[in-house]
Amino acid sequence: MTRHYDAYVAPTGLKNTQYSLLSHVVLLGPIKPSALAARMRLDASTLTRNLQPLVAQGWLTQGPGDDARSRLIEATEAGRAKRTEGQRAWKQAQLALNARLGSDRVAALHALIDDCMAQLDAADDDQGEVR
């Protein structure tokens, strides 16, 4: 599945993980890194590593937060434009997947993934696991 989406998104200059991160920041930002990591179910070091190329490309900025110790991540205009470009590619990938597998099968796959994620989240909550 990842290879399918990668093939469509790669010409935009983004990887799937970068598109996802950029989309989260565009939709949620400005946002603290800890809140973004929680929303994306990433640990802090993975988030930091994934942010670096997006900041280097000028698509995201990391600026000061509410106090001296906090930071905020925000999308730049170039980042918003890049996200729109990625979104078009993602949509094409989704349409191609629907055509290849059938909409019903794709919907069932999404439902299964959503159910599995909910069960994993509940298990993490029961065990007190923090992500």
C-alpha atoms as a PDB file:
ATOM      1  CA  MET A   1       0.000   0.000   0.000  1.00  0.00           C
ATOM      2  CA  THR A   2       2.803   2.388   0.911  1.00  0.00           C
ATOM      3  CA  ARG A   3       4.547   1.763  -2.421  1.00  0.00           C
ATOM      4  CA  HIS A   4       1.337   2.629  -4.261  1.00  0.00           C
ATOM      5  CA  TYR A   5       0.972   5.996  -2.538  1.00  0.00           C
ATOM      6  CA  ASP A   6       4.720   6.678  -2.721  1.00  0.00           C
ATOM      7  CA  ALA A   7       4.619   6.278  -6.500  1.00  0.00           C
ATOM      8  CA  TYR A   8       2.005   9.027  -6.759  1.00  0.00           C
ATOM      9  CA  VAL A   9       3.331  11.384  -4.082  1.00  0.00           C
ATOM     10  CA  ALA A  10       7.065  11.146  -4.910  1.00  0.00           C
ATOM     11  CA  PRO A  11       6.921  13.470  -7.957  1.00  0.00           C
ATOM     12  CA  THR A  12       5.837  16.288  -5.606  1.00  0.00           C
ATOM     13  CA  GLY A  13       9.135  15.985  -3.741  1.00  0.00           C
ATOM     14  CA  LEU A  14       7.432  14.576  -0.652  1.00  0.00           C
ATOM     15  CA  LYS A  15       7.486  11.176   0.989  1.00  0.00           C
ATOM     16  CA  ASN A  16       4.229   9.820   2.418  1.00  0.00           C
ATOM     17  CA  THR A  17       5.434  10.513   5.954  1.00  0.00           C
ATOM     18  CA  GLN A  18       6.309  14.090   5.012  1.00  0.00           C
ATOM     19  CA  TYR A  19       2.943  14.630   3.348  1.00  0.00           C
ATOM     20  CA  SER A  20       1.197  13.355   6.471  1.00  0.00           C
ATOM     21  CA  LEU A  21       3.272  15.555   8.765  1.00  0.00           C
ATOM     22  CA  LEU A  22       2.784  18.617   6.569  1.00  0.00           C
ATOM     23  CA  SER A  23      -0.974  17.970   6.438  1.00  0.00           C
ATOM     24  CA  HIS A  24      -1.214  17.677  10.216  1.00  0.00           C
ATOM     25  CA  VAL A  25       0.627  20.973  10.707  1.00  0.00           C
ATOM     26  CA  VAL A  26      -1.469  22.779   8.081  1.00  0.00           C
ATOM     27  CA  LEU A  27      -4.688  21.542   9.694  1.00  0.00           C
ATOM     28  CA  LEU A  28      -3.670  21.846  13.372  1.00  0.00           C
ATOM     29  CA  GLY A  29      -0.964  24.507  13.440  1.00  0.00           C
ATOM     30  CA  PRO A  30       0.546  26.447  14.896  1.00  0.00           C
ATOM     31  CA  ILE A  31       1.056  23.539  17.248  1.00  0.00           C
ATOM     32  CA  LYS A  32       3.485  22.492  19.972  1.00  0.00           C
ATOM     33  CA  PRO A  33       5.761  19.585  19.010  1.00  0.00           C
ATOM     34  CA  SER A  34       4.474  17.486  21.920  1.00  0.00           C
ATOM     35  CA  ALA A  35       0.851  17.955  20.827  1.00  0.00           C
ATOM     36  CA  LEU A  36       1.738  17.154  17.218  1.00  0.00           C
ATOM     37  CA  ALA A  37       3.613  14.014  18.243  1.00  0.00           C
ATOM     38  CA  ALA A  38       0.623  12.870  20.300  1.00  0.00           C
ATOM     39  CA  ARG A  39      -1.834  13.495  17.462  1.00  0.00           C
ATOM     40  CA  MET A  40       0.364  11.608  15.001  1.00  0.00           C
ATOM     41  CA  ARG A  41       1.217   8.821  17.479  1.00  0.00           C
ATOM     42  CA  LEU A  42       4.949   9.498  17.144  1.00  0.00           C
ATOM     43  CA  ASP A  43       7.657   9.696  19.750  1.00  0.00           C
ATOM     44  CA  ALA A  44       9.498  12.995  20.103  1.00  0.00           C
ATOM     45  CA  SER A  45      12.719  11.843  18.434  1.00  0.00           C
ATOM     46  CA  THR A  46      10.872  10.511  15.369  1.00  0.00           C
ATOM     47  CA  LEU A  47       8.938  13.755  15.059  1.00  0.00           C
ATOM     48  CA  THR A  48      12.130  15.815  15.341  1.00  0.00           C
ATOM     49  CA  ARG A  49      13.846  13.697  12.686  1.00  0.00           C
ATOM     50  CA  ASN A  50      10.847  13.960  10.343  1.00  0.00           C
ATOM     51  CA  LEU A  51      10.509  17.719  10.831  1.00  0.00           C
ATOM     52  CA  GLN A  52      14.088  18.521   9.828  1.00  0.00           C
ATOM     53  CA  PRO A  53      13.767  18.142   6.039  1.00  0.00           C
ATOM     54  CA  LEU A  54      10.473  20.053   5.987  1.00  0.00           C
ATOM     55  CA  VAL A  55      12.019  22.938   7.904  1.00  0.00           C
ATOM     56  CA  ALA A  56      15.115  22.823   5.664  1.00  0.00           C
ATOM     57  CA  GLN A  57      12.898  23.075   2.556  1.00  0.00           C
ATOM     58  CA  GLY A  58      11.127  26.103   4.046  1.00  0.00           C
ATOM     59  CA  TRP A  59       7.766  24.342   4.261  1.00  0.00           C
ATOM     60  CA  LEU A  60       7.564  24.487   8.073  1.00  0.00           C
ATOM     61  CA  THR A  61       8.961  26.819  10.698  1.00  0.00           C
ATOM     62  CA  GLN A  62       9.743  26.208  14.341  1.00  0.00           C
ATOM     63  CA  GLY A  63       9.307  29.379  16.324  1.00  0.00           C
ATOM     64  CA  PRO A  64       8.903  30.475  19.916  1.00  0.00           C
ATOM     65  CA  GLY A  65       5.822  29.414  21.828  1.00  0.00           C
ATOM     66  CA  ASP A  66       3.906  30.962  24.696  1.00  0.00           C
ATOM     67  CA  ASP A  67       6.911  30.947  27.014  1.00  0.00           C
ATOM     68  CA  ALA A  68      10.686  30.745  26.727  1.00  0.00           C
ATOM     69  CA  ARG A  69      10.727  26.942  26.917  1.00  0.00           C
ATOM     70  CA  SER A  70       8.024  26.139  24.370  1.00  0.00           C
ATOM     71  CA  ARG A  71       8.135  26.001  20.588  1.00  0.00           C
ATOM     72  CA  LEU A  72       5.464  26.127  17.918  1.00  0.00           C
ATOM     73  CA  ILE A  73       5.494  24.470  14.517  1.00  0.00           C
ATOM     74  CA  GLU A  74       3.731  26.273  11.693  1.00  0.00           C
ATOM     75  CA  ALA A  75       3.366  25.817   7.943  1.00  0.00           C
ATOM     76  CA  THR A  76       4.738  28.511   5.660  1.00  0.00           C
ATOM     77  CA  GLU A  77       2.955  29.673   2.512  1.00  0.00           C
ATOM     78  CA  ALA A  78       5.334  27.440   0.542  1.00  0.00           C
ATOM     79  CA  GLY A  79       4.405  24.585   2.877  1.00  0.00           C
ATOM     80  CA  ARG A  80       0.703  25.155   2.322  1.00  0.00           C
ATOM     81  CA  ALA A  81       1.270  25.133  -1.430  1.00  0.00           C
ATOM     82  CA  LYS A  82       3.360  21.953  -1.186  1.00  0.00           C
ATOM     83  CA  ARG A  83       0.641  20.304   0.891  1.00  0.00           C
ATOM     84  CA  THR A  84      -1.942  21.213  -1.778  1.00  0.00           C
ATOM     85  CA  GLU A  85       0.316  19.670  -4.426  1.00  0.00           C
ATOM     86  CA  GLY A  86       0.702  16.545  -2.298  1.00  0.00           C
ATOM     87  CA  GLN A  87      -3.030  16.428  -1.668  1.00  0.00           C
ATOM     88  CA  ARG A  88      -3.733  16.343  -5.412  1.00  0.00           C
ATOM     89  CA  ALA A  89      -1.264  13.464  -5.824  1.00  0.00           C
ATOM     90  CA  TRP A  90      -2.769  11.624  -2.835  1.00  0.00           C
ATOM     91  CA  LYS A  91      -6.250  11.988  -4.336  1.00  0.00           C
ATOM     92  CA  GLN A  92      -5.018  10.510  -7.641  1.00  0.00           C
ATOM     93  CA  ALA A  93      -3.477   7.602  -5.727  1.00  0.00           C
ATOM     94  CA  GLN A  94      -6.768   7.026  -3.910  1.00  0.00           C
ATOM     95  CA  LEU A  95      -8.765   7.083  -7.144  1.00  0.00           C
ATOM     96  CA  ALA A  96      -6.342   4.624  -8.760  1.00  0.00           C
ATOM     97  CA  LEU A  97      -6.569   2.348  -5.722  1.00  0.00           C
ATOM     98  CA  ASN A  98     -10.369   2.458  -5.810  1.00  0.00           C
ATOM     99  CA  ALA A  99     -10.307   1.602  -9.523  1.00  0.00           C
ATOM    100  CA  ARG A 100      -7.900  -1.269  -9.006  1.00  0.00           C
ATOM    101  CA  LEU A 101      -9.344  -2.835  -5.849  1.00  0.00           C
ATOM    102  CA  GLY A 102     -12.912  -1.567  -5.925  1.00  0.00           C
ATOM    103  CA  SER A 103     -14.466   1.023  -3.629  1.00  0.00           C
ATOM    104  CA  ASP A 104     -16.129  -1.579  -1.404  1.00  0.00           C
ATOM    105  CA  ARG A 105     -12.851  -3.397  -0.742  1.00  0.00           C
ATOM    106  CA  VAL A 106     -11.033  -0.122  -0.026  1.00  0.00           C
ATOM    107  CA  ALA A 107     -13.820   0.969   2.352  1.00  0.00           C
ATOM    108  CA  ALA A 108     -13.615  -2.397   4.135  1.00  0.00           C
ATOM    109  CA  LEU A 109      -9.844  -2.008   4.431  1.00  0.00           C
ATOM    110  CA  HIS A 110     -10.235   1.460   5.971  1.00  0.00           C
ATOM    111  CA  ALA A 111     -12.841   0.139   8.416  1.00  0.00           C
ATOM    112  CA  LEU A 112     -10.550  -2.726   9.431  1.00  0.00           C
ATOM    113  CA  ILE A 113      -7.593  -0.381   9.953  1.00  0.00           C
ATOM    114  CA  ASP A 114      -9.733   2.051  11.981  1.00  0.00           C
ATOM    115  CA  ASP A 115     -10.993  -0.811  14.156  1.00  0.00           C
ATOM    116  CA  CYS A 116      -7.467  -2.148  14.705  1.00  0.00           C
ATOM    117  CA  MET A 117      -6.171   1.312  15.622  1.00  0.00           C
ATOM    118  CA  ALA A 118      -9.011   1.785  18.117  1.00  0.00           C
ATOM    119  CA  GLN A 119      -8.233  -1.577  19.726  1.00  0.00           C
ATOM    120  CA  LEU A 120      -4.521  -0.784  19.915  1.00  0.00           C
ATOM    121  CA  ASP A 121      -5.256   2.626  21.432  1.00  0.00           C
ATOM    122  CA  ALA A 122      -7.555   1.035  24.018  1.00  0.00           C
ATOM    123  CA  ALA A 123      -4.880  -1.534  24.882  1.00  0.00           C
ATOM    124  CA  ASP A 124      -2.288   1.243  25.230  1.00  0.00           C
ATOM    125  CA  ASP A 125      -4.653   3.174  27.509  1.00  0.00           C
ATOM    126  CA  ASP A 126      -5.269   0.068  29.626  1.00  0.00           C
ATOM    127  CA  GLN A 127      -1.526  -0.472  30.023  1.00  0.00           C
ATOM    128  CA  GLY A 128      -0.838   3.193  30.700  1.00  0.00           C
ATOM    129  CA  GLU A 129       1.380   3.446  27.637  1.00  0.00           C
ATOM    130  CA  VAL A 130       2.101   6.984  26.554  1.00  0.00           C
ATOM    131  CA  ARG A 131       2.789   7.815  22.921  1.00  0.00           C
END
